[in-house]
């Protein structure tokens, strides 16, 4: 994967670091298990140690309202509400901070 090579390149130089990255994730709106998959992916992302700055969701069928959430519990509730209403997630854009803590 191209980004893995990028992060390996960054890690090979102590004077080089990336502080933010934007993750784009497409989803299958017709798949019933996609709701649980989306929630598990975000939980696993948090376990990597990154700080989530924002999550933007595109809902299918497309509606005028866009969602932006910053707290995991709010995120889970938003996802469940979207699916409960008969809608689904088409895309998810997550902006994360990957800056390491240098005081440790």
N, C-alpha and C. Protein backbone atom coordinates (compact mmCIF):
# COMPACT_ATOMS: atom_id res chain seq x y z
N UNK A 1 0.85 -1.18 0.00
CA UNK A 1 0.00 0.00 0.00
C UNK A 1 0.89 1.24 0.00
N UNK A 2 0.50 2.21 -0.77
CA UNK A 2 1.33 3.41 -0.96
C UNK A 2 1.54 4.19 0.34
N UNK A 3 0.51 4.26 1.19
CA UNK A 3 0.64 5.04 2.43
C UNK A 3 1.55 4.35 3.43
N UNK A 4 1.56 3.04 3.43
CA UNK A 4 2.47 2.31 4.32
C UNK A 4 3.90 2.68 3.98
N UNK A 5 4.22 2.76 2.69
CA UNK A 5 5.55 3.16 2.26
C UNK A 5 5.85 4.59 2.69
N UNK A 6 4.84 5.45 2.61
CA UNK A 6 5.02 6.83 3.05
C UNK A 6 5.35 6.88 4.54
N UNK A 7 4.58 6.15 5.36
CA UNK A 7 4.85 6.17 6.80
C UNK A 7 6.17 5.51 7.14
N UNK A 8 6.56 4.48 6.40
CA UNK A 8 7.88 3.89 6.60
C UNK A 8 8.98 4.90 6.28
N UNK A 9 8.77 5.68 5.22
CA UNK A 9 9.74 6.71 4.84
C UNK A 9 9.84 7.77 5.94
N UNK A 10 8.69 8.18 6.46
CA UNK A 10 8.68 9.18 7.54
C UNK A 10 9.39 8.63 8.77
N UNK A 11 9.10 7.37 9.13
CA UNK A 11 9.70 6.77 10.32
C UNK A 11 11.20 6.58 10.20
N UNK A 12 11.72 6.52 8.98
CA UNK A 12 13.15 6.28 8.80
C UNK A 12 14.00 7.51 9.10
N UNK A 13 13.37 8.63 9.34
CA UNK A 13 14.10 9.88 9.58
C UNK A 13 13.56 10.51 10.87
N UNK A 14 14.40 10.60 11.90
CA UNK A 14 13.97 11.15 13.18
C UNK A 14 13.51 12.60 13.08
N UNK A 15 13.96 13.31 12.06
CA UNK A 15 13.62 14.72 11.93
C UNK A 15 12.38 14.94 11.07
N UNK A 16 11.71 13.87 10.68
CA UNK A 16 10.55 13.99 9.80
C UNK A 16 9.35 13.33 10.45
N UNK A 17 8.22 14.01 10.42
CA UNK A 17 7.00 13.40 10.92
C UNK A 17 5.79 13.99 10.22
N UNK A 18 4.74 13.20 10.15
CA UNK A 18 3.46 13.67 9.64
C UNK A 18 2.56 13.90 10.84
N UNK A 19 1.78 14.96 10.81
CA UNK A 19 0.96 15.27 11.99
C UNK A 19 -0.53 15.03 11.75
N UNK A 20 -0.98 15.04 10.51
CA UNK A 20 -2.39 14.77 10.24
C UNK A 20 -2.51 13.99 8.94
N UNK A 21 -3.61 13.28 8.83
CA UNK A 21 -3.91 12.54 7.61
C UNK A 21 -5.43 12.44 7.50
N UNK A 22 -5.92 12.38 6.28
CA UNK A 22 -7.35 12.22 6.04
C UNK A 22 -7.60 10.85 5.45
N UNK A 23 -8.49 10.09 6.07
CA UNK A 23 -8.83 8.74 5.63
C UNK A 23 -10.19 8.77 4.94
N UNK A 24 -10.26 8.18 3.76
CA UNK A 24 -11.51 8.10 3.01
C UNK A 24 -11.95 6.65 3.00
N UNK A 25 -13.20 6.39 3.36
CA UNK A 25 -13.69 5.02 3.44
C UNK A 25 -15.04 4.92 2.74
N UNK A 26 -15.13 4.07 1.72
CA UNK A 26 -16.38 3.85 1.02
C UNK A 26 -17.10 2.64 1.60
N UNK A 27 -18.42 2.66 1.58
CA UNK A 27 -19.21 1.58 2.17
C UNK A 27 -20.33 1.16 1.24
N UNK A 28 -20.79 -0.07 1.42
CA UNK A 28 -21.87 -0.63 0.62
C UNK A 28 -23.19 -0.37 1.31
N UNK A 29 -24.00 0.59 0.80
CA UNK A 29 -25.25 0.94 1.46
C UNK A 29 -26.26 -0.20 1.48
N UNK A 30 -26.08 -1.22 0.65
CA UNK A 30 -27.06 -2.31 0.61
C UNK A 30 -26.71 -3.45 1.57
N UNK A 31 -25.55 -3.40 2.20
CA UNK A 31 -25.10 -4.47 3.09
C UNK A 31 -25.62 -4.23 4.50
N UNK A 32 -26.42 -5.16 5.02
CA UNK A 32 -27.02 -5.01 6.35
C UNK A 32 -26.00 -4.97 7.48
N UNK A 33 -24.87 -5.63 7.31
CA UNK A 33 -23.87 -5.67 8.39
C UNK A 33 -22.90 -4.48 8.33
N UNK A 34 -23.11 -3.58 7.40
CA UNK A 34 -22.18 -2.44 7.24
C UNK A 34 -22.17 -1.54 8.47
N UNK A 35 -23.31 -1.39 9.14
CA UNK A 35 -23.39 -0.55 10.34
C UNK A 35 -22.39 -1.02 11.39
N UNK A 36 -22.39 -2.30 11.71
CA UNK A 36 -21.47 -2.84 12.70
C UNK A 36 -20.02 -2.75 12.22
N UNK A 37 -19.82 -2.93 10.92
CA UNK A 37 -18.47 -2.84 10.36
C UNK A 37 -17.91 -1.43 10.52
N UNK A 38 -18.73 -0.42 10.23
CA UNK A 38 -18.28 0.97 10.36
C UNK A 38 -17.90 1.28 11.79
N UNK A 39 -18.73 0.88 12.74
CA UNK A 39 -18.45 1.14 14.16
C UNK A 39 -17.17 0.42 14.58
N UNK A 40 -16.99 -0.83 14.16
CA UNK A 40 -15.79 -1.56 14.55
C UNK A 40 -14.53 -0.95 13.94
N UNK A 41 -14.62 -0.44 12.71
CA UNK A 41 -13.46 0.19 12.07
C UNK A 41 -13.02 1.44 12.84
N UNK A 42 -13.98 2.23 13.30
CA UNK A 42 -13.63 3.44 14.05
C UNK A 42 -13.04 3.06 15.40
N UNK A 43 -13.61 2.06 16.07
CA UNK A 43 -13.04 1.60 17.34
C UNK A 43 -11.61 1.11 17.16
N UNK A 44 -11.36 0.35 16.10
CA UNK A 44 -10.01 -0.14 15.82
C UNK A 44 -9.05 0.99 15.49
N UNK A 45 -9.55 2.01 14.80
CA UNK A 45 -8.72 3.18 14.49
C UNK A 45 -8.26 3.86 15.77
N UNK A 46 -9.16 4.01 16.72
CA UNK A 46 -8.83 4.64 18.00
C UNK A 46 -7.75 3.83 18.72
N UNK A 47 -7.82 2.50 18.63
CA UNK A 47 -6.84 1.64 19.30
C UNK A 47 -5.44 1.81 18.74
N UNK A 48 -5.29 2.36 17.53
CA UNK A 48 -3.96 2.57 16.96
C UNK A 48 -3.23 3.71 17.65
N UNK A 49 -3.97 4.54 18.41
CA UNK A 49 -3.34 5.65 19.11
C UNK A 49 -3.49 6.99 18.44
N UNK A 50 -4.12 7.03 17.26
CA UNK A 50 -4.32 8.33 16.61
C UNK A 50 -5.42 9.09 17.34
N UNK A 51 -5.43 10.39 17.18
CA UNK A 51 -6.49 11.23 17.72
C UNK A 51 -7.41 11.61 16.57
N UNK A 52 -8.67 11.26 16.69
CA UNK A 52 -9.64 11.61 15.64
C UNK A 52 -10.02 13.07 15.80
N UNK A 53 -9.81 13.85 14.74
CA UNK A 53 -10.18 15.26 14.76
C UNK A 53 -11.62 15.45 14.34
N UNK A 54 -12.06 14.71 13.32
CA UNK A 54 -13.45 14.82 12.86
C UNK A 54 -13.81 13.62 12.00
N UNK A 55 -15.11 13.35 11.94
CA UNK A 55 -15.64 12.31 11.06
C UNK A 55 -16.81 12.91 10.31
N UNK A 56 -16.74 12.91 8.99
CA UNK A 56 -17.83 13.39 8.14
C UNK A 56 -18.45 12.19 7.45
N UNK A 57 -19.78 12.10 7.51
CA UNK A 57 -20.50 10.96 6.93
C UNK A 57 -21.39 11.42 5.79
N UNK A 58 -21.37 10.67 4.69
CA UNK A 58 -22.31 10.89 3.60
C UNK A 58 -23.36 9.78 3.68
N UNK A 59 -24.61 10.20 3.79
CA UNK A 59 -25.70 9.25 4.01
C UNK A 59 -26.37 8.91 2.68
N UNK A 60 -26.74 7.63 2.52
CA UNK A 60 -27.43 7.16 1.33
C UNK A 60 -28.83 6.72 1.73
N UNK A 61 -29.91 7.05 1.05
CA UNK A 61 -29.88 7.95 -0.10
C UNK A 61 -29.47 9.36 0.35
N UNK A 62 -28.84 10.06 -0.55
CA UNK A 62 -28.28 11.37 -0.20
C UNK A 62 -29.35 12.31 0.34
N UNK A 63 -29.02 12.90 1.47
CA UNK A 63 -29.90 13.90 2.08
C UNK A 63 -29.09 15.17 2.26
N UNK A 64 -29.77 16.28 2.46
CA UNK A 64 -29.08 17.56 2.57
C UNK A 64 -28.24 17.67 3.83
N UNK A 65 -28.61 16.94 4.87
CA UNK A 65 -27.92 17.06 6.15
C UNK A 65 -26.61 16.27 6.12
N UNK A 66 -25.55 16.90 6.62
CA UNK A 66 -24.27 16.21 6.78
C UNK A 66 -24.00 16.05 8.26
N UNK A 67 -23.34 14.97 8.62
CA UNK A 67 -23.05 14.71 10.02
C UNK A 67 -21.57 14.89 10.27
N UNK A 68 -21.26 15.51 11.40
CA UNK A 68 -19.87 15.60 11.83
C UNK A 68 -19.87 15.33 13.33
N UNK A 69 -19.13 14.32 13.75
CA UNK A 69 -19.10 13.94 15.16
C UNK A 69 -17.66 13.82 15.62
N UNK A 70 -17.43 14.05 16.92
CA UNK A 70 -16.08 14.02 17.45
C UNK A 70 -15.91 13.08 18.63
N UNK A 71 -16.98 12.54 19.18
CA UNK A 71 -16.90 11.66 20.35
C UNK A 71 -17.42 10.28 19.94
N UNK A 72 -16.73 9.21 20.36
CA UNK A 72 -17.08 7.86 19.93
C UNK A 72 -18.53 7.51 20.28
N UNK A 73 -18.98 7.83 21.48
CA UNK A 73 -20.36 7.48 21.86
C UNK A 73 -21.36 8.22 20.98
N UNK A 74 -21.08 9.49 20.67
CA UNK A 74 -21.95 10.23 19.75
C UNK A 74 -21.92 9.61 18.36
N UNK A 75 -20.75 9.19 17.93
CA UNK A 75 -20.60 8.56 16.62
C UNK A 75 -21.46 7.29 16.53
N UNK A 76 -21.36 6.45 17.53
CA UNK A 76 -22.14 5.20 17.54
C UNK A 76 -23.63 5.50 17.51
N UNK A 77 -24.08 6.48 18.28
CA UNK A 77 -25.51 6.85 18.29
C UNK A 77 -25.96 7.39 16.94
N UNK A 78 -25.13 8.20 16.30
CA UNK A 78 -25.46 8.75 14.98
C UNK A 78 -25.59 7.61 13.97
N UNK A 79 -24.64 6.69 13.97
CA UNK A 79 -24.69 5.56 13.03
C UNK A 79 -25.95 4.74 13.26
N UNK A 80 -26.24 4.41 14.50
CA UNK A 80 -27.44 3.61 14.80
C UNK A 80 -28.71 4.33 14.38
N UNK A 81 -28.77 5.65 14.62
CA UNK A 81 -29.96 6.43 14.24
C UNK A 81 -30.13 6.46 12.72
N UNK A 82 -29.03 6.62 12.00
CA UNK A 82 -29.10 6.65 10.53
C UNK A 82 -29.68 5.34 10.02
N UNK A 83 -29.16 4.22 10.51
CA UNK A 83 -29.65 2.92 10.05
C UNK A 83 -31.07 2.64 10.54
N UNK A 84 -31.39 3.11 11.74
CA UNK A 84 -32.75 2.92 12.27
C UNK A 84 -33.78 3.64 11.41
N UNK A 85 -33.37 4.77 10.81
CA UNK A 85 -34.26 5.55 9.95
C UNK A 85 -34.38 4.96 8.54
N UNK A 86 -33.68 3.86 8.29
CA UNK A 86 -33.74 3.22 6.97
C UNK A 86 -32.72 3.75 5.99
N UNK A 87 -31.83 4.64 6.44
CA UNK A 87 -30.77 5.15 5.59
C UNK A 87 -29.50 4.33 5.85
N UNK A 88 -28.43 4.65 5.16
CA UNK A 88 -27.16 3.96 5.38
C UNK A 88 -26.01 4.91 5.04
N UNK A 89 -24.81 4.49 5.39
CA UNK A 89 -23.62 5.31 5.16
C UNK A 89 -23.01 4.91 3.82
N UNK A 90 -22.74 5.90 3.00
CA UNK A 90 -22.11 5.66 1.71
C UNK A 90 -20.60 5.90 1.78
N UNK A 91 -20.21 7.01 2.40
CA UNK A 91 -18.79 7.29 2.57
C UNK A 91 -18.54 7.89 3.95
N UNK A 92 -17.31 7.71 4.42
CA UNK A 92 -16.90 8.26 5.71
C UNK A 92 -15.52 8.87 5.51
N UNK A 93 -15.36 10.10 5.93
CA UNK A 93 -14.07 10.80 5.84
C UNK A 93 -13.63 11.09 7.26
N UNK A 94 -12.47 10.58 7.63
CA UNK A 94 -11.97 10.74 8.99
C UNK A 94 -10.66 11.51 8.94
N UNK A 95 -10.60 12.62 9.66
CA UNK A 95 -9.34 13.37 9.77
C UNK A 95 -8.74 13.03 11.13
N UNK A 96 -7.49 12.56 11.10
CA UNK A 96 -6.83 12.15 12.34
C UNK A 96 -5.52 12.89 12.53
N UNK A 97 -5.13 12.99 13.79
CA UNK A 97 -3.82 13.52 14.12
C UNK A 97 -2.92 12.34 14.44
N UNK A 98 -1.77 12.28 13.81
CA UNK A 98 -0.84 11.16 14.04
C UNK A 98 0.47 11.63 14.66
N UNK A 99 0.47 12.82 15.22
CA UNK A 99 1.69 13.35 15.84
C UNK A 99 1.98 12.55 17.10
N UNK A 100 3.22 12.13 17.24
CA UNK A 100 3.62 11.37 18.41
C UNK A 100 3.82 12.31 19.60
N UNK A 101 3.64 11.77 20.79
CA UNK A 101 3.88 12.52 22.01
C UNK A 101 5.36 12.44 22.35
N UNK A 102 6.05 13.57 22.26
CA UNK A 102 7.51 13.55 22.43
C UNK A 102 7.94 13.73 23.87
N UNK A 103 7.03 14.01 24.79
CA UNK A 103 7.44 14.21 26.18
C UNK A 103 7.50 12.89 26.93
N UNK A 104 7.03 11.81 26.33
CA UNK A 104 7.03 10.51 27.04
C UNK A 104 8.41 9.89 27.02
